[in-house]
């Protein structure tokens, strides 16, 4: 496996929840020592320890955070 891997929605790694005013993506990365998430140009980038993952998100005002090993990206519609 390479250092850069893509989260694939169809594999169930990233779950998508559609609401009236937002789209929320959630991915469980488990207990890790270091993790970071950022959104740029419609792509969420997650760095976990020494691995990087990416997944596409819709355009809009996005907020991303990690809490208790769960990556959450909220995109306002």
N, C-alpha and C. Protein backbone atom coordinates (compact mmCIF):
# COMPACT_ATOMS: atom_id res chain seq x y z
N UNK A 1 0.84 -1.17 0.00
CA UNK A 1 0.00 0.00 0.00
C UNK A 1 0.89 1.24 0.00
N UNK A 2 0.52 2.28 -0.73
CA UNK A 2 1.32 3.49 -0.80
C UNK A 2 0.99 4.42 0.36
N UNK A 3 1.85 5.43 0.56
CA UNK A 3 1.61 6.40 1.63
C UNK A 3 0.36 7.22 1.36
N UNK A 4 0.06 7.45 0.09
CA UNK A 4 -1.14 8.22 -0.23
C UNK A 4 -2.23 7.27 -0.68
N UNK A 5 -3.31 7.25 0.04
CA UNK A 5 -4.43 6.37 -0.26
C UNK A 5 -5.69 7.22 -0.33
N UNK A 6 -6.64 6.76 -1.07
CA UNK A 6 -7.88 7.52 -1.21
C UNK A 6 -8.99 6.84 -0.44
N UNK A 7 -9.69 7.62 0.40
CA UNK A 7 -10.90 7.10 1.02
C UNK A 7 -11.90 6.91 -0.11
N UNK A 8 -12.57 5.83 -0.12
CA UNK A 8 -13.56 5.56 -1.17
C UNK A 8 -14.94 5.43 -0.52
N UNK A 9 -15.87 6.32 -0.88
CA UNK A 9 -17.21 6.27 -0.32
C UNK A 9 -17.86 4.92 -0.59
N UNK A 10 -17.67 4.37 -1.77
CA UNK A 10 -18.34 3.12 -2.12
C UNK A 10 -17.86 1.94 -1.28
N UNK A 11 -16.70 2.05 -0.65
CA UNK A 11 -16.19 1.00 0.21
C UNK A 11 -16.67 1.16 1.65
N UNK A 12 -17.40 2.21 1.95
CA UNK A 12 -17.93 2.39 3.28
C UNK A 12 -16.98 3.02 4.27
N UNK A 13 -15.81 3.46 3.84
CA UNK A 13 -14.86 4.08 4.76
C UNK A 13 -15.34 5.46 5.16
N UNK A 14 -15.88 6.20 4.20
CA UNK A 14 -16.42 7.53 4.45
C UNK A 14 -17.93 7.45 4.31
N UNK A 15 -18.61 7.93 5.33
CA UNK A 15 -20.08 7.95 5.27
C UNK A 15 -20.53 9.37 4.97
N UNK A 16 -21.56 9.49 4.14
CA UNK A 16 -22.10 10.80 3.76
C UNK A 16 -23.52 10.92 4.29
N UNK A 17 -23.81 12.07 4.92
CA UNK A 17 -25.13 12.35 5.45
C UNK A 17 -25.61 13.65 4.82
N UNK A 18 -26.74 13.61 4.14
CA UNK A 18 -27.31 14.79 3.49
C UNK A 18 -28.42 15.38 4.35
N UNK A 19 -28.30 16.66 4.66
CA UNK A 19 -29.30 17.39 5.43
C UNK A 19 -29.79 18.55 4.58
N UNK A 20 -30.84 19.25 5.03
CA UNK A 20 -31.39 20.37 4.27
C UNK A 20 -30.37 21.47 4.04
N UNK A 21 -29.54 21.77 5.04
CA UNK A 21 -28.62 22.90 4.94
C UNK A 21 -27.14 22.52 4.88
N UNK A 22 -26.84 21.22 4.91
CA UNK A 22 -25.43 20.80 4.90
C UNK A 22 -25.28 19.35 4.47
N UNK A 23 -24.06 19.04 4.06
CA UNK A 23 -23.65 17.66 3.79
C UNK A 23 -22.54 17.37 4.79
N UNK A 24 -22.64 16.23 5.48
CA UNK A 24 -21.65 15.87 6.49
C UNK A 24 -21.00 14.55 6.09
N UNK A 25 -19.68 14.53 6.15
CA UNK A 25 -18.91 13.32 5.87
C UNK A 25 -18.26 12.91 7.18
N UNK A 26 -18.24 11.60 7.45
CA UNK A 26 -17.62 11.09 8.68
C UNK A 26 -16.80 9.85 8.34
N UNK A 27 -15.61 9.77 8.94
CA UNK A 27 -14.74 8.60 8.75
C UNK A 27 -14.06 8.29 10.07
N UNK A 28 -14.11 7.05 10.48
CA UNK A 28 -13.46 6.62 11.72
C UNK A 28 -12.03 6.21 11.40
N UNK A 29 -11.06 6.97 11.92
CA UNK A 29 -9.66 6.64 11.70
C UNK A 29 -9.07 5.89 12.88
N UNK A 30 -9.87 5.70 13.92
CA UNK A 30 -9.43 4.93 15.08
C UNK A 30 -8.49 5.72 15.97
N UNK A 31 -8.00 5.05 17.00
CA UNK A 31 -7.07 5.73 17.93
C UNK A 31 -5.72 5.93 17.26
N UNK A 32 -5.31 7.18 17.14
CA UNK A 32 -4.03 7.51 16.51
C UNK A 32 -3.32 8.54 17.38
N UNK A 33 -2.01 8.61 17.21
CA UNK A 33 -1.23 9.58 17.97
C UNK A 33 -1.29 10.96 17.34
N UNK A 34 -1.19 11.02 16.01
CA UNK A 34 -1.24 12.30 15.30
C UNK A 34 -2.21 12.21 14.14
N UNK A 35 -3.07 13.22 14.03
CA UNK A 35 -4.00 13.28 12.92
C UNK A 35 -4.34 14.74 12.64
N UNK A 36 -4.56 15.06 11.37
CA UNK A 36 -4.94 16.41 10.96
C UNK A 36 -5.86 16.30 9.76
N UNK A 37 -6.73 17.29 9.61
CA UNK A 37 -7.65 17.32 8.47
C UNK A 37 -7.76 18.75 7.98
N UNK A 38 -7.88 18.90 6.65
CA UNK A 38 -8.04 20.21 6.03
C UNK A 38 -8.85 20.03 4.76
N UNK A 39 -9.53 21.08 4.34
CA UNK A 39 -10.31 21.05 3.10
C UNK A 39 -9.83 22.17 2.20
N UNK A 40 -9.52 21.83 0.94
CA UNK A 40 -9.09 22.82 -0.04
C UNK A 40 -9.58 22.41 -1.42
N UNK A 41 -10.19 23.33 -2.12
CA UNK A 41 -10.62 23.12 -3.50
C UNK A 41 -11.45 21.85 -3.68
N UNK A 42 -12.40 21.61 -2.78
CA UNK A 42 -13.30 20.46 -2.93
C UNK A 42 -12.69 19.12 -2.57
N UNK A 43 -11.54 19.13 -1.89
CA UNK A 43 -10.91 17.89 -1.47
C UNK A 43 -10.60 17.96 0.02
N UNK A 44 -11.05 16.95 0.76
CA UNK A 44 -10.69 16.83 2.17
C UNK A 44 -9.42 16.00 2.24
N UNK A 45 -8.43 16.51 2.95
CA UNK A 45 -7.15 15.81 3.10
C UNK A 45 -6.97 15.45 4.56
N UNK A 46 -6.76 14.18 4.82
CA UNK A 46 -6.61 13.67 6.18
C UNK A 46 -5.22 13.05 6.29
N UNK A 47 -4.46 13.49 7.28
CA UNK A 47 -3.14 12.90 7.53
C UNK A 47 -3.23 12.19 8.88
N UNK A 48 -2.95 10.88 8.85
CA UNK A 48 -2.99 10.05 10.05
C UNK A 48 -1.62 9.41 10.20
N UNK A 49 -0.95 9.77 11.30
CA UNK A 49 0.42 9.33 11.51
C UNK A 49 1.24 9.68 10.27
N UNK A 50 1.72 8.73 9.49
CA UNK A 50 2.53 9.05 8.31
C UNK A 50 1.81 8.75 7.00
N UNK A 51 0.48 8.57 7.05
CA UNK A 51 -0.30 8.27 5.84
C UNK A 51 -1.24 9.43 5.52
N UNK A 52 -1.48 9.64 4.22
CA UNK A 52 -2.39 10.69 3.78
C UNK A 52 -3.53 10.07 3.00
N UNK A 53 -4.74 10.53 3.29
CA UNK A 53 -5.95 10.08 2.61
C UNK A 53 -6.66 11.31 2.06
N UNK A 54 -7.40 11.13 0.98
CA UNK A 54 -8.17 12.23 0.39
C UNK A 54 -9.53 11.72 -0.05
N UNK A 55 -10.52 12.63 0.01
CA UNK A 55 -11.82 12.34 -0.58
C UNK A 55 -12.46 13.65 -1.01
N UNK A 56 -13.28 13.56 -2.04
CA UNK A 56 -13.92 14.74 -2.61
C UNK A 56 -15.12 15.16 -1.76
N UNK A 57 -15.33 16.47 -1.67
CA UNK A 57 -16.49 17.04 -0.99
C UNK A 57 -17.10 18.09 -1.92
N UNK A 58 -18.41 18.38 -1.78
CA UNK A 58 -19.01 19.40 -2.64
C UNK A 58 -18.48 20.79 -2.31
N UNK A 59 -18.64 21.70 -3.27
CA UNK A 59 -18.23 23.08 -3.06
C UNK A 59 -19.11 23.72 -2.00
N UNK A 60 -18.53 24.61 -1.24
CA UNK A 60 -19.28 25.31 -0.21
C UNK A 60 -18.38 25.62 0.97
N UNK A 61 -18.95 26.32 1.95
CA UNK A 61 -18.21 26.67 3.16
C UNK A 61 -18.04 25.39 3.99
N UNK A 62 -16.80 24.95 4.17
CA UNK A 62 -16.54 23.67 4.84
C UNK A 62 -15.80 23.88 6.16
N UNK A 63 -16.16 23.05 7.14
CA UNK A 63 -15.47 22.98 8.41
C UNK A 63 -15.04 21.54 8.60
N UNK A 64 -13.83 21.32 9.09
CA UNK A 64 -13.33 19.96 9.28
C UNK A 64 -12.66 19.85 10.64
N UNK A 65 -12.89 18.72 11.30
CA UNK A 65 -12.26 18.50 12.59
C UNK A 65 -12.17 17.01 12.90
N UNK A 66 -11.37 16.68 13.89
CA UNK A 66 -11.21 15.30 14.34
C UNK A 66 -11.47 15.28 15.84
N UNK A 67 -12.34 14.37 16.26
CA UNK A 67 -12.64 14.21 17.68
C UNK A 67 -12.82 12.73 17.97
N UNK A 68 -12.11 12.23 18.96
CA UNK A 68 -12.19 10.83 19.36
C UNK A 68 -11.97 9.87 18.20
N UNK A 69 -11.05 10.21 17.30
CA UNK A 69 -10.71 9.33 16.20
C UNK A 69 -11.68 9.35 15.04
N UNK A 70 -12.63 10.29 15.04
CA UNK A 70 -13.59 10.41 13.95
C UNK A 70 -13.36 11.73 13.21
N UNK A 71 -13.09 11.63 11.92
CA UNK A 71 -12.93 12.81 11.07
C UNK A 71 -14.33 13.24 10.64
N UNK A 72 -14.64 14.52 10.80
CA UNK A 72 -15.93 15.06 10.37
C UNK A 72 -15.69 16.27 9.49
N UNK A 73 -16.33 16.29 8.32
CA UNK A 73 -16.27 17.42 7.42
C UNK A 73 -17.71 17.85 7.17
N UNK A 74 -18.03 19.10 7.51
CA UNK A 74 -19.37 19.66 7.32
C UNK A 74 -19.29 20.71 6.22
N UNK A 75 -20.12 20.57 5.18
CA UNK A 75 -20.14 21.52 4.07
C UNK A 75 -21.54 22.14 4.01
N UNK A 76 -21.61 23.45 4.22
CA UNK A 76 -22.89 24.15 4.15
C UNK A 76 -23.36 24.20 2.70
N UNK A 77 -24.65 24.04 2.50
CA UNK A 77 -25.23 24.07 1.15
C UNK A 77 -26.02 25.35 0.94
